[in-house]
Amino acid sequence: MTTWQEWEAELAGRLAAASPDERVVFAVGVAERLMRAEEALPAHEQAEYALGLRPMLNALWEAALGNPSGFGEIKHGLGEYLLSEYCHNDGQHGPGDADEPAAAAVLHTAVAYLFGAGESVSRVSSRAVEAADARLDADARLNAGDERANAGDSGSGDGDSGDGDGDSNAVDPDEVRTAEVRRQLRDLALIGQYGASLRHARLGLDIDTSARLHRALRVPLSSVEADA
């Protein structure tokens, strides 16, 4: 069976072989999924800084698919981050708002768009894998809390039965990582089908081509759910 690390190595190779314009579209799609996951959280759990980057993410979509009108929003958005308290070298002692998955993905995508930095695209990919891990951990903690509460309510004292059920239903973290990496591989394959049209997209494309790319790529790349 192929491990998630092997899938990740394949993804790294395909990203290296993709054009800079394809890589930017890929990063925007991953960042969009992370942003939608953030926006779907209850209001009290949402990261305000990440949500504030939605306009820059929308501009990145436009720019990545051939409409250079988003350049100014991207440039100013990244500049504001660089001049803010969220850009620091204080490690754990500084504010971590920009290190939240959706925020970090948008910022790294902006760097990839403005400077053609392949390393930034790889970081976006990694943040999505880490976010999938974090969601699994959060779900596990929530389920464990529910089981303890139910056990306390029942007063049966039969803890072994509950623990056994929990273990049998546990999701393998490697399966979660594999699913995310394979999703990214499928997205990159879809983008590759439009590689000729995307070439030099960051410099601007005609209106008809840009609109066609939006129809073909934005919806499937934005979808949080995908077939395995």
C-alpha atoms as a PDB file:
ATOM      1  CA  MET A   1       0.000   0.000   0.000  1.00  0.00           C
ATOM      2  CA  THR A   2       1.267   3.449  -0.899  1.00  0.00           C
ATOM      3  CA  THR A   3       2.022   5.541   2.183  1.00  0.00           C
ATOM      4  CA  TRP A   4       1.013   9.176   2.516  1.00  0.00           C
ATOM      5  CA  GLN A   5       4.692  10.129   2.476  1.00  0.00           C
ATOM      6  CA  GLU A   6       5.057   8.459  -0.924  1.00  0.00           C
ATOM      7  CA  TRP A   7       2.004  10.293  -2.220  1.00  0.00           C
ATOM      8  CA  GLU A   8       3.509  13.512  -0.840  1.00  0.00           C
ATOM      9  CA  ALA A   9       6.782  12.831  -2.664  1.00  0.00           C
ATOM     10  CA  GLU A  10       4.839  12.327  -5.896  1.00  0.00           C
ATOM     11  CA  LEU A  11       3.024  15.596  -5.321  1.00  0.00           C
ATOM     12  CA  ALA A  12       6.319  17.407  -4.741  1.00  0.00           C
ATOM     13  CA  GLY A  13       7.646  16.077  -8.030  1.00  0.00           C
ATOM     14  CA  ARG A  14       4.557  17.146  -9.948  1.00  0.00           C
ATOM     15  CA  LEU A  15       4.607  20.591  -8.395  1.00  0.00           C
ATOM     16  CA  ALA A  16       8.245  20.980  -9.398  1.00  0.00           C
ATOM     17  CA  ALA A  17       7.342  20.051 -12.978  1.00  0.00           C
ATOM     18  CA  ALA A  18       4.345  22.409 -13.150  1.00  0.00           C
ATOM     19  CA  SER A  19       4.630  25.929 -14.506  1.00  0.00           C
ATOM     20  CA  PRO A  20       4.687  28.865 -12.046  1.00  0.00           C
ATOM     21  CA  ASP A  21       1.204  29.860 -13.207  1.00  0.00           C
ATOM     22  CA  GLU A  22      -0.179  26.367 -12.601  1.00  0.00           C
ATOM     23  CA  ARG A  23       1.393  26.324  -9.147  1.00  0.00           C
ATOM     24  CA  VAL A  24      -0.262  29.615  -8.229  1.00  0.00           C
ATOM     25  CA  VAL A  25      -3.699  28.329  -9.256  1.00  0.00           C
ATOM     26  CA  PHE A  26      -3.033  25.192  -7.212  1.00  0.00           C
ATOM     27  CA  ALA A  27      -2.101  27.256  -4.148  1.00  0.00           C
ATOM     28  CA  VAL A  28      -5.168  29.478  -4.511  1.00  0.00           C
ATOM     29  CA  GLY A  29      -7.409  26.406  -4.622  1.00  0.00           C
ATOM     30  CA  VAL A  30      -5.866  24.930  -1.466  1.00  0.00           C
ATOM     31  CA  ALA A  31      -6.077  28.298   0.309  1.00  0.00           C
ATOM     32  CA  GLU A  32      -9.737  28.583  -0.695  1.00  0.00           C
ATOM     33  CA  ARG A  33     -10.568  25.223   0.865  1.00  0.00           C
ATOM     34  CA  LEU A  34      -8.822  26.208   4.083  1.00  0.00           C
ATOM     35  CA  MET A  35     -10.638  29.545   4.125  1.00  0.00           C
ATOM     36  CA  ARG A  36     -14.016  27.874   3.606  1.00  0.00           C
ATOM     37  CA  ALA A  37     -13.281  25.498   6.470  1.00  0.00           C
ATOM     38  CA  GLU A  38     -12.502  28.528   8.652  1.00  0.00           C
ATOM     39  CA  GLU A  39     -15.669  30.331   7.543  1.00  0.00           C
ATOM     40  CA  ALA A  40     -17.743  27.220   8.355  1.00  0.00           C
ATOM     41  CA  LEU A  41     -16.672  27.230  12.019  1.00  0.00           C
ATOM     42  CA  PRO A  42     -18.979  28.620  14.708  1.00  0.00           C
ATOM     43  CA  ALA A  43     -18.490  32.370  15.024  1.00  0.00           C
ATOM     44  CA  HIS A  44     -16.700  32.121  18.376  1.00  0.00           C
ATOM     45  CA  GLU A  45     -14.119  29.726  16.902  1.00  0.00           C
ATOM     46  CA  GLN A  46     -13.322  31.704  13.758  1.00  0.00           C
ATOM     47  CA  ALA A  47      -9.975  33.459  13.381  1.00  0.00           C
ATOM     48  CA  GLU A  48     -10.722  37.132  12.748  1.00  0.00           C
ATOM     49  CA  TYR A  49      -7.389  37.829  11.077  1.00  0.00           C
ATOM     50  CA  ALA A  50      -7.821  34.953   8.637  1.00  0.00           C
ATOM     51  CA  LEU A  51     -11.335  36.066   7.699  1.00  0.00           C
ATOM     52  CA  GLY A  52      -9.968  39.557   7.025  1.00  0.00           C
ATOM     53  CA  LEU A  53      -7.819  38.075   4.251  1.00  0.00           C
ATOM     54  CA  ARG A  54     -10.853  36.983   2.205  1.00  0.00           C
ATOM     55  CA  PRO A  55     -10.629  40.046  -0.134  1.00  0.00           C
ATOM     56  CA  MET A  56      -6.989  39.209  -0.902  1.00  0.00           C
ATOM     57  CA  LEU A  57      -7.912  35.591  -1.589  1.00  0.00           C
ATOM     58  CA  ASN A  58     -10.641  36.713  -3.996  1.00  0.00           C
ATOM     59  CA  ALA A  59      -8.100  38.958  -5.718  1.00  0.00           C
ATOM     60  CA  LEU A  60      -5.702  36.020  -5.970  1.00  0.00           C
ATOM     61  CA  TRP A  61      -8.367  34.014  -7.780  1.00  0.00           C
ATOM     62  CA  GLU A  62      -8.820  36.808 -10.301  1.00  0.00           C
ATOM     63  CA  ALA A  63      -5.104  37.306 -10.814  1.00  0.00           C
ATOM     64  CA  ALA A  64      -4.259  33.602 -11.015  1.00  0.00           C
ATOM     65  CA  LEU A  65      -6.906  33.070 -13.699  1.00  0.00           C
ATOM     66  CA  GLY A  66      -5.752  35.907 -15.898  1.00  0.00           C
ATOM     67  CA  ASN A  67      -7.338  39.106 -14.573  1.00  0.00           C
ATOM     68  CA  PRO A  68      -4.479  41.351 -13.386  1.00  0.00           C
ATOM     69  CA  SER A  69      -6.866  43.826 -11.757  1.00  0.00           C
ATOM     70  CA  GLY A  70      -6.321  41.981  -8.478  1.00  0.00           C
ATOM     71  CA  PHE A  71      -2.611  42.843  -8.396  1.00  0.00           C
ATOM     72  CA  GLY A  72      -3.070  45.991  -6.303  1.00  0.00           C
ATOM     73  CA  GLU A  73      -5.163  44.234  -3.645  1.00  0.00           C
ATOM     74  CA  ILE A  74      -2.594  41.440  -3.393  1.00  0.00           C
ATOM     75  CA  LYS A  75       0.370  43.804  -3.186  1.00  0.00           C
ATOM     76  CA  HIS A  76      -1.233  46.033  -0.563  1.00  0.00           C
ATOM     77  CA  GLY A  77      -2.561  43.071   1.418  1.00  0.00           C
ATOM     78  CA  LEU A  78       0.852  41.444   1.636  1.00  0.00           C
ATOM     79  CA  GLY A  79       2.461  44.790   2.423  1.00  0.00           C
ATOM     80  CA  GLU A  80       0.059  45.382   5.298  1.00  0.00           C
ATOM     81  CA  TYR A  81       0.955  41.993   6.718  1.00  0.00           C
ATOM     82  CA  LEU A  82       4.695  42.662   6.459  1.00  0.00           C
ATOM     83  CA  LEU A  83       4.293  45.953   8.312  1.00  0.00           C
ATOM     84  CA  SER A  84       1.957  44.560  10.954  1.00  0.00           C
ATOM     85  CA  GLU A  85       2.579  43.000  14.358  1.00  0.00           C
ATOM     86  CA  TYR A  86       1.649  39.631  12.855  1.00  0.00           C
ATOM     87  CA  CYS A  87       4.903  39.509  10.904  1.00  0.00           C
ATOM     88  CA  HIS A  88       7.538  38.895  13.573  1.00  0.00           C
ATOM     89  CA  ASN A  89      10.468  36.725  14.620  1.00  0.00           C
ATOM     90  CA  ASP A  90       9.338  36.203  18.209  1.00  0.00           C
ATOM     91  CA  GLY A  91       8.300  32.588  17.720  1.00  0.00           C
ATOM     92  CA  GLN A  92       5.773  31.370  20.290  1.00  0.00           C
ATOM     93  CA  HIS A  93       5.966  34.701  22.131  1.00  0.00           C
ATOM     94  CA  GLY A  94       4.505  36.729  19.251  1.00  0.00           C
ATOM     95  CA  PRO A  95       0.926  36.823  17.944  1.00  0.00           C
ATOM     96  CA  GLY A  96       0.087  33.649  16.018  1.00  0.00           C
ATOM     97  CA  ASP A  97      -2.876  34.934  14.016  1.00  0.00           C
ATOM     98  CA  ALA A  98      -1.028  34.814  10.683  1.00  0.00           C
ATOM     99  CA  ASP A  99       0.088  31.250  11.380  1.00  0.00           C
ATOM    100  CA  GLU A 100      -3.472  29.935  11.400  1.00  0.00           C
ATOM    101  CA  PRO A 101      -3.832  27.562   8.379  1.00  0.00           C
ATOM    102  CA  ALA A 102      -6.155  29.678   6.224  1.00  0.00           C
ATOM    103  CA  ALA A 103      -4.258  32.907   6.905  1.00  0.00           C
ATOM    104  CA  ALA A 104      -0.854  31.318   6.301  1.00  0.00           C
ATOM    105  CA  ALA A 105      -2.078  29.720   3.070  1.00  0.00           C
ATOM    106  CA  VAL A 106      -3.357  33.024   1.685  1.00  0.00           C
ATOM    107  CA  LEU A 107      -0.151  34.857   2.590  1.00  0.00           C
ATOM    108  CA  HIS A 108       2.105  32.171   1.100  1.00  0.00           C
ATOM    109  CA  THR A 109      -0.040  32.149  -2.046  1.00  0.00           C
ATOM    110  CA  ALA A 110       0.372  35.908  -2.367  1.00  0.00           C
ATOM    111  CA  VAL A 111       4.155  35.479  -2.177  1.00  0.00           C
ATOM    112  CA  ALA A 112       3.992  32.761  -4.831  1.00  0.00           C
ATOM    113  CA  TYR A 113       1.938  35.011  -7.111  1.00  0.00           C
ATOM    114  CA  LEU A 114       4.070  38.115  -6.696  1.00  0.00           C
ATOM    115  CA  PHE A 115       7.481  36.446  -6.752  1.00  0.00           C
ATOM    116  CA  GLY A 116       6.969  33.035  -8.367  1.00  0.00           C
ATOM    117  CA  ALA A 117       8.230  31.311  -5.223  1.00  0.00           C
ATOM    118  CA  GLY A 118       7.777  27.552  -5.525  1.00  0.00           C
ATOM    119  CA  GLU A 119       8.693  27.016  -1.879  1.00  0.00           C
ATOM    120  CA  SER A 120       5.670  29.081  -0.831  1.00  0.00           C
ATOM    121  CA  VAL A 121       3.365  26.773  -2.807  1.00  0.00           C
ATOM    122  CA  SER A 122       4.858  23.756  -1.036  1.00  0.00           C
ATOM    123  CA  ARG A 123       4.136  25.435   2.292  1.00  0.00           C
ATOM    124  CA  VAL A 124       0.506  25.956   1.299  1.00  0.00           C
ATOM    125  CA  SER A 125       0.277  22.247   0.503  1.00  0.00           C
ATOM    126  CA  SER A 126       1.832  21.303   3.838  1.00  0.00           C
ATOM    127  CA  ARG A 127      -0.461  23.594   5.794  1.00  0.00           C
ATOM    128  CA  ALA A 128      -3.493  21.811   4.337  1.00  0.00           C
ATOM    129  CA  VAL A 129      -2.122  18.430   5.443  1.00  0.00           C
ATOM    130  CA  GLU A 130      -1.439  19.841   8.912  1.00  0.00           C
ATOM    131  CA  ALA A 131      -4.942  21.308   9.045  1.00  0.00           C
ATOM    132  CA  ALA A 132      -6.458  17.910   8.202  1.00  0.00           C
ATOM    133  CA  ASP A 133      -4.442  16.443  11.087  1.00  0.00           C
ATOM    134  CA  ALA A 134      -5.601  19.194  13.437  1.00  0.00           C
ATOM    135  CA  ARG A 135      -9.266  18.671  12.518  1.00  0.00           C
ATOM    136  CA  LEU A 136      -8.895  14.961  13.253  1.00  0.00           C
ATOM    137  CA  ASP A 137      -7.345  15.710  16.651  1.00  0.00           C
ATOM    138  CA  ALA A 138     -10.116  18.187  17.468  1.00  0.00           C
ATOM    139  CA  ASP A 139     -12.803  15.674  16.511  1.00  0.00           C
ATOM    140  CA  ALA A 140     -11.113  12.995  18.630  1.00  0.00           C
ATOM    141  CA  ARG A 141     -11.024  15.288  21.674  1.00  0.00           C
ATOM    142  CA  LEU A 142     -14.678  16.205  21.156  1.00  0.00           C
ATOM    143  CA  ASN A 143     -15.718  12.561  20.827  1.00  0.00           C
ATOM    144  CA  ALA A 144     -13.703  11.594  23.907  1.00  0.00           C
ATOM    145  CA  GLY A 145     -15.421  14.332  25.884  1.00  0.00           C
ATOM    146  CA  ASP A 146     -18.837  13.142  24.717  1.00  0.00           C
ATOM    147  CA  GLU A 147     -18.007   9.555  25.691  1.00  0.00           C
ATOM    148  CA  ARG A 148     -16.908  10.616  29.174  1.00  0.00           C
ATOM    149  CA  ALA A 149     -20.065  12.666  29.583  1.00  0.00           C
ATOM    150  CA  ASN A 150     -22.253   9.771  28.456  1.00  0.00           C
ATOM    151  CA  ALA A 151     -20.423   7.384  30.768  1.00  0.00           C
ATOM    152  CA  GLY A 152     -20.979   9.746  33.679  1.00  0.00           C
ATOM    153  CA  ASP A 153     -24.679  10.091  32.847  1.00  0.00           C
ATOM    154  CA  SER A 154     -25.193   6.343  32.582  1.00  0.00           C
ATOM    155  CA  GLY A 155     -23.438   5.625  35.889  1.00  0.00           C
ATOM    156  CA  SER A 156     -22.848   2.054  34.706  1.00  0.00           C
ATOM    157  CA  GLY A 157     -19.134   2.061  35.513  1.00  0.00           C
ATOM    158  CA  ASP A 158     -18.516  -0.110  32.444  1.00  0.00           C
ATOM    159  CA  GLY A 159     -15.658   1.868  30.917  1.00  0.00           C
ATOM    160  CA  ASP A 160     -14.150  -0.997  28.934  1.00  0.00           C
ATOM    161  CA  SER A 161     -17.056  -1.278  26.515  1.00  0.00           C
ATOM    162  CA  GLY A 162     -16.989   2.419  25.686  1.00  0.00           C
ATOM    163  CA  ASP A 163     -13.240   2.462  25.166  1.00  0.00           C
ATOM    164  CA  GLY A 164     -13.404  -0.499  22.841  1.00  0.00           C
ATOM    165  CA  ASP A 165     -16.038   1.135  20.672  1.00  0.00           C
ATOM    166  CA  GLY A 166     -13.982   4.327  20.526  1.00  0.00           C
ATOM    167  CA  ASP A 167     -10.868   2.500  19.382  1.00  0.00           C
ATOM    168  CA  SER A 168     -12.712   0.531  16.706  1.00  0.00           C
ATOM    169  CA  ASN A 169     -14.202   3.704  15.261  1.00  0.00           C
ATOM    170  CA  ALA A 170     -10.980   5.718  15.382  1.00  0.00           C
ATOM    171  CA  VAL A 171      -9.820   7.247  12.108  1.00  0.00           C
ATOM    172  CA  ASP A 172      -6.256   6.482  11.066  1.00  0.00           C
ATOM    173  CA  PRO A 173      -4.315   9.772  10.848  1.00  0.00           C
ATOM    174  CA  ASP A 174      -2.346   8.414   7.882  1.00  0.00           C
ATOM    175  CA  GLU A 175      -5.607   7.883   5.991  1.00  0.00           C
ATOM    176  CA  VAL A 176      -6.550  11.506   6.616  1.00  0.00           C
ATOM    177  CA  ARG A 177      -3.156  12.727   5.380  1.00  0.00           C
ATOM    178  CA  THR A 178      -3.358  10.436   2.345  1.00  0.00           C
ATOM    179  CA  ALA A 179      -6.826  11.728   1.452  1.00  0.00           C
ATOM    180  CA  GLU A 180      -5.633  15.354   1.558  1.00  0.00           C
ATOM    181  CA  VAL A 181      -2.493  14.710  -0.516  1.00  0.00           C
ATOM    182  CA  ARG A 182      -4.411  12.679  -3.090  1.00  0.00           C
ATOM    183  CA  ARG A 183      -6.973  15.483  -3.305  1.00  0.00           C
ATOM    184  CA  GLN A 184      -4.133  17.872  -4.060  1.00  0.00           C
ATOM    185  CA  LEU A 185      -2.811  15.526  -6.737  1.00  0.00           C
ATOM    186  CA  ARG A 186      -6.238  15.431  -8.401  1.00  0.00           C
ATOM    187  CA  ASP A 187      -6.465  19.210  -8.283  1.00  0.00           C
ATOM    188  CA  LEU A 188      -3.036  19.566  -9.847  1.00  0.00           C
ATOM    189  CA  ALA A 189      -3.964  17.085 -12.588  1.00  0.00           C
ATOM    190  CA  LEU A 190      -7.092  19.125 -13.375  1.00  0.00           C
ATOM    191  CA  ILE A 191      -5.075  22.328 -13.516  1.00  0.00           C
ATOM    192  CA  GLY A 192      -2.589  20.645 -15.835  1.00  0.00           C
ATOM    193  CA  GLN A 193      -5.344  20.100 -18.394  1.00  0.00           C
ATOM    194  CA  TYR A 194      -5.455  23.879 -18.805  1.00  0.00           C
ATOM    195  CA  GLY A 195      -1.708  24.408 -18.641  1.00  0.00           C
ATOM    196  CA  ALA A 196      -1.453  25.931 -22.120  1.00  0.00           C
ATOM    197  CA  SER A 197      -4.151  28.511 -21.345  1.00  0.00           C
ATOM    198  CA  LEU A 198      -2.670  29.310 -17.932  1.00  0.00           C
ATOM    199  CA  ARG A 199       0.836  29.958 -19.200  1.00  0.00           C
ATOM    200  CA  HIS A 200       1.679  33.592 -18.427  1.00  0.00           C
ATOM    201  CA  ALA A 201      -1.757  34.041 -16.773  1.00  0.00           C
ATOM    202  CA  ARG A 202      -0.153  36.257 -14.131  1.00  0.00           C
ATOM    203  CA  LEU A 203       0.615  38.763 -16.895  1.00  0.00           C
ATOM    204  CA  GLY A 204      -3.037  38.841 -17.936  1.00  0.00           C
ATOM    205  CA  LEU A 205      -5.260  36.910 -20.338  1.00  0.00           C
ATOM    206  CA  ASP A 206      -8.086  37.985 -22.621  1.00  0.00           C
ATOM    207  CA  ILE A 207     -11.525  38.210 -21.012  1.00  0.00           C
ATOM    208  CA  ASP A 208     -12.956  35.128 -22.724  1.00  0.00           C
ATOM    209  CA  THR A 209     -10.045  32.898 -21.703  1.00  0.00           C
ATOM    210  CA  SER A 210     -10.130  34.153 -18.128  1.00  0.00           C
ATOM    211  CA  ALA A 211     -13.885  33.524 -17.904  1.00  0.00           C
ATOM    212  CA  ARG A 212     -13.464  30.013 -19.312  1.00  0.00           C
ATOM    213  CA  LEU A 213     -10.791  29.221 -16.741  1.00  0.00           C
ATOM    214  CA  HIS A 214     -13.022  30.475 -13.938  1.00  0.00           C
ATOM    215  CA  ARG A 215     -15.817  28.155 -15.054  1.00  0.00           C
ATOM    216  CA  ALA A 216     -13.510  25.170 -15.462  1.00  0.00           C
ATOM    217  CA  LEU A 217     -11.344  25.543 -12.357  1.00  0.00           C
ATOM    218  CA  ARG A 218     -12.689  27.744  -9.599  1.00  0.00           C
ATOM    219  CA  VAL A 219     -15.698  25.662  -8.589  1.00  0.00           C
ATOM    220  CA  PRO A 220     -14.006  22.217  -8.509  1.00  0.00           C
ATOM    221  CA  LEU A 221     -10.862  23.544  -6.815  1.00  0.00           C
ATOM    222  CA  SER A 222     -12.960  25.373  -4.205  1.00  0.00           C
ATOM    223  CA  SER A 223     -15.063  22.356  -3.275  1.00  0.00           C
ATOM    224  CA  VAL A 224     -14.362  21.234   0.276  1.00  0.00           C
ATOM    225  CA  GLU A 225     -15.677  17.753  -0.489  1.00  0.00           C
ATOM    226  CA  ALA A 226     -14.238  15.634  -3.300  1.00  0.00           C
ATOM    227  CA  ASP A 227     -14.647  12.093  -4.510  1.00  0.00           C
ATOM    228  CA  ALA A 228     -11.869   9.757  -3.452  1.00  0.00           C
END
